[in-house]
Amino acid sequence: MFVDLAYDKANNKVGLMPKQIKKTSSEPALGVDTATIKSARRADEKRGSAQRRESSEASMDTFAEKVRPTSKRVVKDRRRKRKTTADVSVPQQQTSMSALRFALRASDIFWVTAIIVLGVWNGYVGMNDNGVIAPIAAAVMGSVIFITMLFANRAHRFAAAETLGQHMRTVMIAAFGALGLWLTIALITKPDTFLPDALAKAGLGATAVLFVLHALYHTQVKRLHNKGALAPTIVMLGATESARRLIEENAKTRELNILAIFDERLARAPHNIHGVPVIGKIEDLLTWDKLPYVNRIVVTLPGMAESRKQAFLEQVKLLPNRIAFVVDEFENLNHVQQRLTQIAEVGMREVTGNPKGGAHTAIKRLMDIGIGSLALIALSPILAIIALLIKKDSPGPVLFKQPRHGFNNRVFNVYKFRSMRNDQADLKAAQQTVAGDARVTKIGRFIRKTSIDELPQLINVIKGEMSLVGPRPHAVGMRTEGKDSMELVAEYAHRHKVKPGMTGWAQINGSRGPLHNGDDVARRVELDVDYIERSNALFDLYIMFKTLPVLLGDSENIR
């Protein structure tokens, strides 16, 4: 037992005392077993060590996962996606700009001539003793001068970028220039015969009419330009320097509606060239459902890439769309002395024939509307009788609508009088008509033999889907000898470069009715292509006049 010294105040002395052992918080409280406490302490120490070990291992695992991941991390593709054909908007209602210009020129000729003749005649009657020769001569001279000045100043160009103010300035220069020239010539040649006042009034009247007409023209043409209905729709093959320059030039004039670019080397091609997207390869072009609404395919490869040009052409040459190569003068220039204006000069060379001019297109359309409307009105009693007979002969609708290929392979519904039993209608012409075909009704045999079943196609003509004269439209998916007819002849698609017709060069030359073998298909395609190359208004009239005698005298073809 330990002792310690202590001072006893009561007895005023120092003595020995037992040493006090201080209790600590670690000592067990009264009534608790010491062994149990020690066991608990060891358990706590083990748990603490395990938790520290687990924490350490977790930290190491996290670090290892960061350094060398055991699972692939999903990485978001941040690359810009390339546009596809589905993203390209293609205008489907299109108007020929060349045909529209021809119509507007014809309108100006009519109104200018009418106003000048009327004005001059009223001014001359009773004014002199020269009879009708002087006013007629003055009117003819004035009309010719006015129209010539309008044409010389290109007042009918109607460029997409031209404003109303710019256009009216052009018309003003042409009209006042014509008026001044007319008066000058009249006064110099016959000062006593020609009356300046009458000529001036007639000329000013013609000028006023031209101002009103061209304000209306420009408004309507601008509306069509904004809809994309006038500019030819273009796609390009090849994302090249020539394509870039052509797109840059077109941005200034907006004469073309360049939709997209296709390139076989898509991986190295840009996403777009000045806003025109590069959207796919030629395979994507060939399977594009909007391809029939593309007016022209332009190959923009340089001359040195002759093999690539040929490969491109082989893939697209059988399309009905017109194809052109860019003739790039840049390839033949001295690169040291080249000028910017020369570099921008990019022309195009057609390789599948040139399209018909605006006059041909406009006259053909006027003939279709005029003759087609008169024929529909004149034949309406016969059409009504045939409709009643069909209704009595067999159940079903009077008219039969069948999808057929038209201009540029566009699909439309052709109208015919129903000549077959309704439950055996063959929309795809998979089985062509044969002699004694059981599907044909009684009245059907008569209207097929006389081609009366084709008369409802006058509606297609007036709508603009067909023409009076042209290659006959074949059914979509028509088969010959078990194959698609278009697979039998390489040039088959060329017959779709014009609108289909109710009658045609092939029909009056014996190629009528079904096509039973490859030779039949080849013969018809040959005649159709021959018509396209020779087509004009007089040729169309000749074919129309020959059609009826040929139909009545044809006893060989099955119809």
Protein backbone atom coordinates (compact mmCIF):
# COMPACT_ATOMS: atom_id res chain seq x y z
CA MET A 1 0.00 0.00 0.00
CA PHE A 2 1.38 3.37 -1.03
CA VAL A 3 1.40 6.24 1.51
CA ASP A 4 1.66 9.95 1.20
CA LEU A 5 2.30 12.83 3.58
CA ALA A 6 -0.64 14.94 4.64
CA TYR A 7 -0.96 17.97 6.88
CA ASP A 8 -3.50 17.69 9.70
CA LYS A 9 -4.75 21.14 10.43
CA ALA A 10 -6.71 20.05 13.47
CA ASN A 11 -3.70 18.58 15.25
CA ASN A 12 -1.19 20.89 13.60
CA LYS A 13 1.04 18.01 12.47
CA VAL A 14 2.12 16.01 9.49
CA GLY A 15 1.32 12.32 9.27
CA LEU A 16 1.17 9.39 6.92
CA MET A 17 -2.04 8.79 4.87
CA PRO A 18 -3.04 6.07 2.36
CA LYS A 19 -2.50 7.16 -1.27
CA GLN A 20 -5.75 7.95 -3.18
CA ILE A 21 -5.91 6.16 -6.50
CA LYS A 22 -7.78 8.39 -9.02
CA LYS A 23 -10.54 6.81 -10.97
CA THR A 24 -10.55 7.44 -14.72
CA SER A 25 -13.30 7.19 -17.27
CA SER A 26 -11.65 4.02 -18.58
CA GLU A 27 -12.18 2.13 -15.36
CA PRO A 28 -15.21 -0.08 -15.23
CA ALA A 29 -18.22 1.07 -13.41
CA LEU A 30 -19.47 -0.88 -10.51
CA GLY A 31 -21.39 -4.07 -11.47
CA VAL A 32 -19.93 -4.51 -15.04
CA ASP A 33 -17.83 -7.52 -15.94
CA THR A 34 -14.29 -6.50 -17.03
CA ALA A 35 -13.91 -9.36 -19.54
CA THR A 36 -17.08 -8.35 -21.35
CA ILE A 37 -15.83 -4.79 -21.71
CA LYS A 38 -12.47 -5.92 -23.08
CA SER A 39 -14.20 -8.19 -25.56
CA ALA A 40 -16.38 -5.31 -26.74
CA ARG A 41 -13.31 -3.10 -27.12
CA ARG A 42 -11.58 -5.68 -29.32
CA ALA A 43 -14.73 -5.99 -31.49
CA ASP A 44 -14.85 -2.21 -31.89
CA GLU A 45 -11.20 -2.12 -32.91
CA LYS A 46 -11.78 -4.88 -35.47
CA ARG A 47 -14.80 -3.07 -36.94
CA GLY A 48 -12.86 0.17 -37.18
CA SER A 49 -9.98 -1.54 -38.93
CA ALA A 50 -12.37 -3.26 -41.35
CA GLN A 51 -14.15 0.03 -42.15
CA ARG A 52 -10.86 1.80 -42.73
CA ARG A 53 -9.70 -1.06 -44.92
CA GLU A 54 -12.95 -1.06 -46.91
CA SER A 55 -12.78 2.73 -47.34
CA SER A 56 -9.20 2.46 -48.55
CA GLU A 57 -10.08 -0.31 -50.98
CA ALA A 58 -13.07 1.70 -52.30
CA SER A 59 -10.84 4.71 -52.89
CA MET A 60 -8.35 2.54 -54.77
CA ASP A 61 -11.14 1.00 -56.88
CA THR A 62 -12.49 4.46 -57.77
CA PHE A 63 -9.05 5.62 -58.78
CA ALA A 64 -8.45 2.46 -60.83
CA GLU A 65 -11.82 2.92 -62.60
CA LYS A 66 -10.85 6.43 -63.59
CA VAL A 67 -7.42 5.42 -64.84
CA ARG A 68 -8.45 2.22 -66.63
CA PRO A 69 -12.26 1.82 -66.98
CA THR A 70 -13.51 -1.76 -66.93
CA SER A 71 -16.71 -0.88 -68.90
CA LYS A 72 -17.06 1.21 -72.09
CA ARG A 73 -18.35 4.68 -71.41
CA VAL A 74 -21.24 5.90 -73.64
CA VAL A 75 -19.86 8.87 -75.54
CA LYS A 76 -22.35 11.25 -77.16
CA ASP A 77 -21.67 11.85 -80.86
CA ARG A 78 -21.27 15.60 -81.11
CA ARG A 79 -20.52 15.61 -84.85
CA ARG A 80 -22.93 17.58 -87.03
CA LYS A 81 -25.31 15.26 -88.84
CA ARG A 82 -25.44 15.43 -92.62
CA LYS A 83 -28.79 16.27 -94.22
CA THR A 84 -30.62 13.59 -96.20
CA THR A 85 -33.02 13.64 -99.14
CA ALA A 86 -35.92 13.75 -96.66
CA ASP A 87 -34.72 17.19 -95.49
CA VAL A 88 -34.81 18.77 -98.97
CA SER A 89 -37.94 20.67 -100.01
CA VAL A 90 -38.78 20.24 -103.70
CA PRO A 91 -41.45 22.43 -105.39
CA GLN A 92 -43.93 20.22 -107.23
CA GLN A 93 -45.98 22.92 -108.98
CA GLN A 94 -43.66 24.21 -111.68
CA THR A 95 -44.13 26.58 -114.63
CA SER A 96 -41.89 26.87 -117.67
CA MET A 97 -40.27 30.31 -117.56
CA SER A 98 -39.58 30.25 -121.30
CA ALA A 99 -43.22 29.44 -122.05
CA LEU A 100 -44.37 32.20 -119.69
CA ARG A 101 -42.10 34.74 -121.41
CA PHE A 102 -43.53 33.72 -124.78
CA ALA A 103 -47.08 34.21 -123.49
CA LEU A 104 -46.26 37.66 -122.06
CA ARG A 105 -44.60 38.73 -125.32
CA ALA A 106 -47.69 37.62 -127.23
CA SER A 107 -49.87 39.60 -124.82
CA ASP A 108 -47.79 42.74 -125.36
CA ILE A 109 -47.92 42.34 -129.15
CA PHE A 110 -51.70 42.06 -129.06
CA TRP A 111 -52.37 45.01 -126.74
CA VAL A 112 -49.78 47.38 -128.21
CA THR A 113 -51.00 46.70 -131.74
CA ALA A 114 -54.65 47.10 -130.73
CA ILE A 115 -54.09 50.42 -128.91
CA ILE A 116 -51.92 51.92 -131.64
CA VAL A 117 -54.25 50.87 -134.47
CA LEU A 118 -57.27 52.21 -132.61
CA GLY A 119 -55.53 55.47 -131.69
CA VAL A 120 -54.11 56.13 -135.15
CA TRP A 121 -57.36 55.27 -136.92
CA ASN A 122 -59.43 57.59 -134.73
CA GLY A 123 -56.92 60.39 -135.26
CA TYR A 124 -56.79 59.97 -139.03
CA VAL A 125 -60.42 59.46 -140.01
CA GLY A 126 -61.78 62.64 -141.61
CA MET A 127 -58.44 64.44 -141.22
CA ASN A 128 -57.02 64.02 -144.71
CA ASP A 129 -57.72 62.61 -148.11
CA ASN A 130 -55.23 59.73 -148.02
CA GLY A 131 -57.81 57.03 -147.28
CA VAL A 132 -56.76 54.01 -145.22
CA ILE A 133 -53.18 53.62 -146.46
CA ALA A 134 -51.68 56.31 -144.22
CA PRO A 135 -53.24 55.14 -140.92
CA ILE A 136 -52.46 51.49 -141.65
CA ALA A 137 -48.84 52.31 -142.53
CA ALA A 138 -48.48 54.49 -139.41
CA ALA A 139 -50.03 51.85 -137.15
CA VAL A 140 -47.89 49.02 -138.53
CA MET A 141 -44.73 51.09 -138.22
CA GLY A 142 -45.57 52.14 -134.64
CA SER A 143 -46.45 48.62 -133.50
CA VAL A 144 -43.26 47.17 -134.97
CA ILE A 145 -41.10 49.86 -133.34
CA PHE A 146 -42.71 49.48 -129.91
CA ILE A 147 -42.44 45.68 -129.87
CA THR A 148 -38.87 45.75 -131.20
CA MET A 149 -37.77 48.19 -128.49
CA LEU A 150 -39.39 46.05 -125.77
CA PHE A 151 -37.56 42.98 -127.05
CA ALA A 152 -34.26 44.83 -127.49
CA ASN A 153 -34.39 46.10 -123.89
CA ARG A 154 -35.22 42.60 -122.60
CA ALA A 155 -38.40 43.82 -120.96
CA HIS A 156 -39.68 40.24 -120.74
CA ARG A 157 -36.70 38.74 -118.92
CA PHE A 158 -38.27 39.04 -115.45
CA ALA A 159 -35.13 38.05 -113.56
CA ALA A 160 -35.73 36.69 -110.05
CA ALA A 161 -33.61 39.44 -108.46
CA GLU A 162 -35.20 42.29 -110.45
CA THR A 163 -37.28 44.75 -108.41
CA LEU A 164 -40.49 46.41 -109.62
CA GLY A 165 -38.71 49.77 -109.91
CA GLN A 166 -35.94 48.29 -112.06
CA HIS A 167 -38.43 46.56 -114.31
CA MET A 168 -40.62 49.64 -114.79
CA ARG A 169 -37.53 51.70 -115.61
CA THR A 170 -36.72 49.21 -118.39
CA VAL A 171 -40.27 49.45 -119.76
CA MET A 172 -40.19 53.26 -119.61
CA ILE A 173 -36.91 53.45 -121.54
CA ALA A 174 -38.25 51.06 -124.21
CA ALA A 175 -41.64 52.81 -124.56
CA PHE A 176 -40.41 56.41 -124.68
CA GLY A 177 -37.54 55.41 -126.94
CA ALA A 178 -40.03 53.76 -129.32
CA LEU A 179 -42.32 56.79 -129.24
CA GLY A 180 -39.49 59.17 -130.08
CA LEU A 181 -38.17 56.97 -132.88
CA TRP A 182 -41.66 56.52 -134.34
CA LEU A 183 -42.39 60.25 -134.45
CA THR A 184 -38.97 61.04 -135.87
CA ILE A 185 -39.28 58.53 -138.73
CA ALA A 186 -42.86 59.63 -139.50
CA LEU A 187 -41.98 63.31 -139.68
CA ILE A 188 -38.83 62.78 -141.74
CA THR A 189 -40.38 60.45 -144.32
CA LYS A 190 -43.89 61.90 -144.79
CA PRO A 191 -44.35 65.16 -142.86
CA ASP A 192 -47.52 66.03 -144.77
CA THR A 193 -49.14 62.62 -144.53
CA PHE A 194 -48.46 61.52 -140.94
CA LEU A 195 -50.15 63.52 -138.18
CA PRO A 196 -47.84 64.05 -135.18
CA ASP A 197 -50.71 64.68 -132.75
CA ALA A 198 -52.48 61.43 -133.63
CA LEU A 199 -49.25 59.45 -133.45
CA ALA A 200 -48.27 61.00 -130.13
CA LYS A 201 -51.66 60.24 -128.57
CA ALA A 202 -51.59 56.64 -129.82
CA GLY A 203 -48.01 56.18 -128.59
CA LEU A 204 -48.77 57.60 -125.14
CA GLY A 205 -51.82 55.32 -124.91
CA ALA A 206 -49.68 52.31 -125.74
CA THR A 207 -47.11 53.42 -123.16
CA ALA A 208 -49.77 53.73 -120.45
CA VAL A 209 -51.14 50.27 -121.24
CA LEU A 210 -47.63 48.80 -121.12
CA PHE A 211 -47.03 50.34 -117.69
CA VAL A 212 -50.23 48.79 -116.29
CA LEU A 213 -49.63 45.40 -117.93
CA HIS A 214 -46.03 45.10 -116.81
CA ALA A 215 -46.86 46.10 -113.24
CA LEU A 216 -49.31 43.17 -113.20
CA TYR A 217 -46.82 40.88 -114.96
CA HIS A 218 -44.07 41.62 -112.48
CA THR A 219 -46.34 41.08 -109.46
CA GLN A 220 -47.47 37.67 -110.64
CA VAL A 221 -44.03 36.56 -111.84
CA LYS A 222 -42.50 37.63 -108.51
CA ARG A 223 -45.11 35.57 -106.68
CA LEU A 224 -44.20 32.50 -108.74
CA HIS A 225 -40.47 33.14 -108.18
CA ASN A 226 -41.03 33.29 -104.40
CA LYS A 227 -42.84 29.95 -104.55
CA GLY A 228 -39.92 28.41 -106.45
CA ALA A 229 -42.23 27.57 -109.37
CA LEU A 230 -40.24 29.30 -112.14
CA ALA A 231 -36.56 28.58 -111.48
CA PRO A 232 -35.49 25.18 -112.88
CA THR A 233 -34.83 22.67 -110.09
CA ILE A 234 -31.23 21.47 -110.19
CA VAL A 235 -29.18 18.79 -108.41
CA MET A 236 -25.43 18.48 -108.83
CA LEU A 237 -23.15 15.47 -109.03
CA GLY A 238 -19.81 16.33 -107.45
CA ALA A 239 -18.94 18.67 -104.58
CA THR A 240 -16.24 20.43 -106.62
CA GLU A 241 -14.80 23.88 -107.23
CA SER A 242 -17.00 24.23 -110.31
CA ALA A 243 -20.05 23.53 -108.17
CA ARG A 244 -18.95 26.19 -105.70
CA ARG A 245 -18.54 28.86 -108.40
CA LEU A 246 -21.85 27.97 -110.01
CA ILE A 247 -23.61 28.26 -106.64
CA GLU A 248 -21.94 31.61 -105.93
CA GLU A 249 -23.01 33.02 -109.28
CA ASN A 250 -26.54 31.74 -108.82
CA ALA A 251 -26.74 33.47 -105.43
CA LYS A 252 -26.56 36.80 -107.30
CA THR A 253 -29.17 36.03 -109.96
CA ARG A 254 -31.30 33.25 -108.42
CA GLU A 255 -32.02 31.93 -111.90
CA LEU A 256 -31.70 28.33 -110.71
CA ASN A 257 -33.18 26.49 -107.76
CA ILE A 258 -30.17 24.37 -106.72
CA LEU A 259 -31.58 21.78 -104.33
CA ALA A 260 -28.68 19.54 -103.32
CA ILE A 261 -25.33 17.98 -104.20
CA PHE A 262 -24.57 14.26 -104.45
CA ASP A 263 -21.02 12.88 -104.35
CA GLU A 264 -19.64 9.35 -104.28
CA ARG A 265 -16.76 10.53 -102.06
CA LEU A 266 -19.11 11.52 -99.29
CA ALA A 267 -16.62 11.02 -96.46
CA ARG A 268 -14.37 13.81 -97.73
CA ALA A 269 -17.15 16.10 -98.96
CA PRO A 270 -18.29 19.14 -96.92
CA HIS A 271 -21.72 19.23 -95.32
CA ASN A 272 -22.77 22.08 -97.63
CA ILE A 273 -21.43 24.53 -100.19
CA HIS A 274 -22.73 28.03 -99.51
CA GLY A 275 -25.92 26.64 -98.01
CA VAL A 276 -26.55 23.92 -100.63
CA PRO A 277 -26.40 20.61 -98.72
CA VAL A 278 -24.30 17.63 -99.78
CA ILE A 279 -26.79 14.90 -98.91
CA GLY A 280 -25.74 11.54 -100.30
CA LYS A 281 -24.36 9.34 -103.04
CA ILE A 282 -25.78 8.61 -106.49
CA GLU A 283 -27.64 5.62 -105.09
CA ASP A 284 -29.52 8.01 -102.82
CA LEU A 285 -30.36 10.16 -105.85
CA LEU A 286 -31.70 7.22 -107.86
CA THR A 287 -34.00 6.12 -105.01
CA TRP A 288 -35.21 9.64 -104.18
CA ASP A 289 -38.99 9.84 -104.46
CA LYS A 290 -38.80 13.53 -105.46
CA LEU A 291 -36.46 12.88 -108.41
CA PRO A 292 -39.30 13.24 -110.98
CA TYR A 293 -39.59 16.91 -109.94
CA VAL A 294 -35.91 17.63 -110.66
CA ASN A 295 -35.55 19.38 -114.03
CA ARG A 296 -31.84 18.88 -114.59
CA ILE A 297 -28.91 16.89 -113.23
CA VAL A 298 -25.63 18.82 -113.57
CA VAL A 299 -22.33 16.94 -113.49
CA THR A 300 -19.70 19.33 -112.07
CA LEU A 301 -16.57 17.17 -112.22
CA PRO A 302 -13.45 18.69 -113.84
CA GLY A 303 -12.21 17.52 -117.21
CA MET A 304 -9.29 15.64 -115.66
CA ALA A 305 -11.75 13.33 -113.86
CA GLU A 306 -12.97 11.78 -117.11
CA SER A 307 -13.34 8.29 -115.63
CA ARG A 308 -15.47 9.60 -112.74
CA LYS A 309 -17.58 11.59 -115.21
CA GLN A 310 -18.22 8.49 -117.27
CA ALA A 311 -19.09 6.47 -114.15
CA PHE A 312 -21.56 9.16 -113.07
CA LEU A 313 -23.12 9.28 -116.53
CA GLU A 314 -23.52 5.50 -116.73
CA GLN A 315 -25.58 5.56 -113.53
CA VAL A 316 -27.91 8.41 -114.46
CA LYS A 317 -28.11 8.44 -118.27
CA LEU A 318 -31.22 6.26 -118.35
CA LEU A 319 -33.20 8.72 -116.24
CA PRO A 320 -35.73 10.92 -118.06
CA ASN A 321 -34.28 13.99 -116.28
CA ARG A 322 -32.08 16.13 -118.50
CA ILE A 323 -28.35 15.81 -117.81
CA ALA A 324 -25.67 18.44 -118.42
CA PHE A 325 -21.92 18.68 -117.91
CA VAL A 326 -20.41 21.91 -116.62
CA VAL A 327 -18.13 23.40 -119.25
CA ASP A 328 -15.64 25.14 -116.99
CA GLU A 329 -13.43 27.65 -118.79
CA PHE A 330 -11.27 27.85 -115.67
CA GLU A 331 -9.54 24.62 -116.68
CA ASN A 332 -8.16 26.22 -119.86
CA LEU A 333 -6.99 29.53 -118.36
CA ASN A 334 -3.51 30.69 -117.57
CA HIS A 335 -3.57 30.45 -113.78
CA VAL A 336 -1.16 33.39 -113.43
CA GLN A 337 -3.13 35.83 -115.53
CA GLN A 338 -6.62 34.64 -114.63
CA ARG A 339 -9.25 37.16 -113.68
CA LEU A 340 -12.12 36.75 -111.28
CA THR A 341 -14.70 37.39 -113.99
CA GLN A 342 -13.20 34.60 -116.09
CA ILE A 343 -13.13 32.14 -113.20
CA ALA A 344 -16.85 32.69 -112.62
CA GLU A 345 -17.76 31.91 -116.23
CA VAL A 346 -19.23 28.44 -115.97
CA GLY A 347 -21.48 27.15 -118.73
CA MET A 348 -23.43 23.92 -119.18
CA ARG A 349 -23.50 21.45 -122.05
CA GLU A 350 -26.50 19.17 -122.48
CA VAL A 351 -25.73 15.49 -123.10
CA THR A 352 -29.30 14.18 -123.40
CA GLY A 353 -30.72 16.63 -125.93
CA ASN A 354 -31.89 20.20 -125.60
CA PRO A 355 -35.38 20.94 -124.30
CA LYS A 356 -37.94 22.55 -126.60
CA GLY A 357 -38.17 26.34 -126.61
CA GLY A 358 -40.77 28.44 -124.89
CA ALA A 359 -42.76 29.02 -128.09
CA HIS A 360 -43.14 25.28 -128.67
CA THR A 361 -44.22 24.66 -125.07
CA ALA A 362 -46.71 27.54 -125.00
CA ILE A 363 -48.27 26.74 -128.40
CA LYS A 364 -48.59 23.06 -127.51
CA ARG A 365 -50.30 23.95 -124.23
CA LEU A 366 -52.68 26.38 -125.98
CA MET A 367 -53.58 23.66 -128.49
CA ASP A 368 -54.19 21.19 -125.68
CA ILE A 369 -56.50 23.55 -123.78
CA GLY A 370 -58.31 24.90 -126.85
CA ILE A 371 -58.84 21.69 -128.83
CA GLY A 372 -59.29 19.57 -125.70
CA SER A 373 -62.00 21.84 -124.28
CA LEU A 374 -63.89 22.04 -127.59
CA ALA A 375 -63.69 18.25 -128.02
CA LEU A 376 -64.93 17.62 -124.48
CA ILE A 377 -67.93 19.92 -125.03
CA ALA A 378 -68.75 18.53 -128.48
CA LEU A 379 -68.48 14.89 -127.37
CA SER A 380 -70.32 15.31 -124.07
CA PRO A 381 -73.59 13.72 -125.38
CA ILE A 382 -71.68 10.62 -126.57
CA LEU A 383 -69.78 10.44 -123.28
CA ALA A 384 -73.05 10.55 -121.33
CA ILE A 385 -74.56 7.71 -123.40
CA ILE A 386 -71.44 5.54 -122.98
CA ALA A 387 -71.52 6.16 -119.22
CA LEU A 388 -75.15 4.92 -119.02
CA LEU A 389 -74.36 1.79 -121.08
CA ILE A 390 -71.38 0.92 -118.84
CA LYS A 391 -73.53 1.35 -115.73
CA LYS A 392 -76.20 -1.00 -117.14
CA ASP A 393 -73.73 -3.58 -118.45
CA SER A 394 -71.91 -4.43 -115.19
CA PRO A 395 -71.72 -3.24 -111.57
CA GLY A 396 -69.00 -0.77 -110.69
CA PRO A 397 -67.92 2.80 -111.39
CA VAL A 398 -68.14 4.33 -114.87
CA LEU A 399 -64.58 5.64 -114.86
CA PHE A 400 -61.44 3.59 -114.25
CA LYS A 401 -58.44 5.39 -112.71
CA GLN A 402 -55.02 3.84 -113.19
CA PRO A 403 -51.60 5.12 -112.00
CA ARG A 404 -49.34 5.78 -114.97
CA HIS A 405 -45.95 7.34 -115.65
CA GLY A 406 -46.01 10.85 -117.05
CA PHE A 407 -43.44 13.58 -117.71
CA ASN A 408 -40.12 12.88 -115.94
CA ASN A 409 -41.61 9.65 -114.52
CA ARG A 410 -44.15 11.58 -112.44
CA VAL A 411 -47.05 9.35 -111.47
CA PHE A 412 -50.63 10.50 -112.17
CA ASN A 413 -54.05 8.85 -112.43
CA VAL A 414 -55.23 8.45 -116.01
CA TYR A 415 -59.00 8.43 -116.64
CA LYS A 416 -60.65 5.82 -118.85
CA PHE A 417 -64.12 4.41 -119.29
CA ARG A 418 -64.21 1.12 -117.39
CA SER A 419 -64.05 -1.72 -119.94
CA MET A 420 -63.33 -4.65 -117.58
CA ARG A 421 -65.23 -6.24 -114.75
CA ASN A 422 -64.74 -4.23 -111.61
CA ASP A 423 -63.56 -7.20 -109.51
CA GLN A 424 -60.89 -8.07 -112.10
CA ALA A 425 -59.38 -4.62 -112.57
CA ASP A 426 -55.62 -4.71 -113.17
CA LEU A 427 -54.18 -1.43 -111.85
CA LYS A 428 -50.55 -2.40 -112.57
CA ALA A 429 -51.17 -4.00 -115.99
CA ALA A 430 -49.38 -7.10 -114.76
CA GLN A 431 -51.47 -9.15 -117.22
CA GLN A 432 -51.85 -7.46 -120.59
CA THR A 433 -54.97 -7.87 -122.66
CA VAL A 434 -55.21 -10.90 -124.97
CA ALA A 435 -57.69 -11.90 -127.68
CA GLY A 436 -61.02 -12.90 -126.17
CA ASP A 437 -59.98 -11.70 -122.71
CA ALA A 438 -62.66 -12.85 -120.23
CA ARG A 439 -62.14 -9.77 -118.07
CA VAL A 440 -63.52 -7.43 -120.76
CA THR A 441 -67.26 -6.64 -120.60
CA LYS A 442 -69.64 -6.57 -123.57
CA ILE A 443 -69.71 -2.80 -123.86
CA GLY A 444 -65.99 -2.86 -123.02
CA ARG A 445 -65.17 -4.73 -126.23
CA PHE A 446 -66.85 -2.03 -128.30
CA ILE A 447 -65.31 0.99 -126.57
CA ARG A 448 -61.85 -0.61 -126.59
CA LYS A 449 -62.10 -1.47 -130.28
CA THR A 450 -63.06 2.10 -131.16
CA SER A 451 -60.80 3.67 -128.48
CA ILE A 452 -63.82 5.47 -127.02
CA ASP A 453 -62.60 4.28 -123.63
CA GLU A 454 -59.73 6.77 -123.95
CA LEU A 455 -61.94 9.87 -124.36
CA PRO A 456 -62.10 10.74 -120.61
CA GLN A 457 -58.37 11.45 -120.90
CA LEU A 458 -59.42 14.83 -122.29
CA ILE A 459 -59.78 15.71 -118.60
CA ASN A 460 -56.11 14.78 -118.05
CA VAL A 461 -55.18 16.96 -121.04
CA ILE A 462 -57.02 20.02 -119.72
CA LYS A 463 -55.49 19.47 -116.25
CA GLY A 464 -52.01 19.52 -117.82
CA GLU A 465 -51.08 15.94 -116.92
CA MET A 466 -51.23 14.83 -120.56
CA SER A 467 -51.12 16.31 -124.04
CA LEU A 468 -53.24 15.57 -127.10
CA VAL A 469 -50.17 14.16 -128.85
CA GLY A 470 -47.26 12.35 -127.24
CA PRO A 471 -46.04 8.90 -126.18
CA ARG A 472 -48.85 6.84 -124.68
CA PRO A 473 -48.57 6.63 -120.86
CA HIS A 474 -47.84 3.12 -119.62
CA ALA A 475 -49.10 1.75 -116.33
CA VAL A 476 -46.77 1.88 -113.34
CA GLY A 477 -45.21 -1.57 -113.02
CA MET A 478 -46.36 -2.76 -116.47
CA ARG A 479 -44.82 -6.13 -117.24
CA THR A 480 -43.86 -7.72 -120.54
CA GLU A 481 -42.73 -11.36 -120.71
CA GLY A 482 -42.71 -11.46 -116.91
CA LYS A 483 -40.37 -8.46 -116.55
CA ASP A 484 -40.87 -4.74 -116.00
CA SER A 485 -41.16 -3.28 -119.50
CA MET A 486 -38.56 -0.62 -118.71
CA GLU A 487 -35.95 -3.35 -118.12
CA LEU A 488 -36.23 -4.62 -121.69
CA VAL A 489 -35.06 -1.46 -123.49
CA ALA A 490 -32.20 0.73 -122.26
CA GLU A 491 -33.71 3.94 -123.72
CA TYR A 492 -37.17 3.32 -122.25
CA ALA A 493 -37.03 6.29 -119.86
CA HIS A 494 -36.39 8.75 -122.72
CA ARG A 495 -40.05 8.48 -123.75
CA HIS A 496 -40.86 10.34 -120.52
CA LYS A 497 -39.01 13.50 -121.52
CA VAL A 498 -42.31 14.99 -122.69
CA LYS A 499 -45.90 14.77 -121.49
CA PRO A 500 -47.71 11.58 -122.52
CA GLY A 501 -50.45 11.90 -125.15
CA MET A 502 -53.86 10.56 -126.07
CA THR A 503 -52.44 9.62 -129.45
CA GLY A 504 -48.95 9.62 -130.88
CA TRP A 505 -46.53 8.83 -133.66
CA ALA A 506 -46.26 5.22 -132.48
CA GLN A 507 -50.04 4.74 -132.52
CA ILE A 508 -50.56 5.90 -136.12
CA ASN A 509 -47.63 3.68 -137.17
CA GLY A 510 -49.21 0.48 -135.87
CA SER A 511 -47.79 0.29 -132.33
CA ARG A 512 -51.07 0.26 -130.43
CA GLY A 513 -52.48 -1.81 -127.62
CA PRO A 514 -50.56 -4.23 -125.36
CA LEU A 515 -46.84 -5.00 -125.68
CA HIS A 516 -46.32 -8.78 -125.61
CA ASN A 517 -42.54 -9.05 -126.06
CA GLY A 518 -39.30 -7.11 -125.99
CA ASP A 519 -39.46 -6.37 -129.72
CA ASP A 520 -42.84 -4.68 -129.26
CA VAL A 521 -41.42 -2.53 -126.47
CA ALA A 522 -38.33 -1.61 -128.50
CA ARG A 523 -40.43 -0.65 -131.54
CA ARG A 524 -42.68 1.64 -129.50
CA VAL A 525 -39.77 3.31 -127.71
CA GLU A 526 -38.05 3.91 -131.06
CA LEU A 527 -41.15 5.63 -132.47
CA ASP A 528 -41.73 7.64 -129.28
CA VAL A 529 -38.16 8.95 -129.24
CA ASP A 530 -38.45 9.79 -132.95
CA TYR A 531 -41.56 11.85 -132.17
CA ILE A 532 -39.82 13.73 -129.34
CA GLU A 533 -37.00 14.76 -131.66
CA ARG A 534 -39.35 15.88 -134.46
CA SER A 535 -42.11 17.38 -132.34
CA ASN A 536 -43.69 20.69 -133.44
CA ALA A 537 -47.20 22.13 -133.79
CA LEU A 538 -47.68 21.11 -137.44
CA PHE A 539 -46.43 17.59 -136.75
CA ASP A 540 -48.92 17.31 -133.88
CA LEU A 541 -51.79 18.43 -136.13
CA TYR A 542 -50.76 15.86 -138.74
CA ILE A 543 -50.80 13.07 -136.13
CA MET A 544 -54.24 14.17 -134.87
CA PHE A 545 -55.72 14.14 -138.38
CA LYS A 546 -54.23 10.69 -139.07
CA THR A 547 -55.47 9.17 -135.80
CA LEU A 548 -59.15 8.65 -136.64
CA PRO A 549 -58.62 6.91 -140.03
CA VAL A 550 -55.95 4.69 -138.47
CA LEU A 551 -58.24 3.72 -135.57
CA LEU A 552 -61.15 2.86 -137.87
CA GLY A 553 -58.95 0.83 -140.21
CA ASP A 554 -57.04 -1.09 -137.52
CA SER A 555 -58.20 -4.70 -137.29
CA GLU A 556 -54.94 -6.29 -136.19
CA ASN A 557 -54.06 -4.87 -132.77
CA ILE A 558 -55.76 -6.34 -129.72
CA ARG A 559 -57.53 -3.72 -127.66
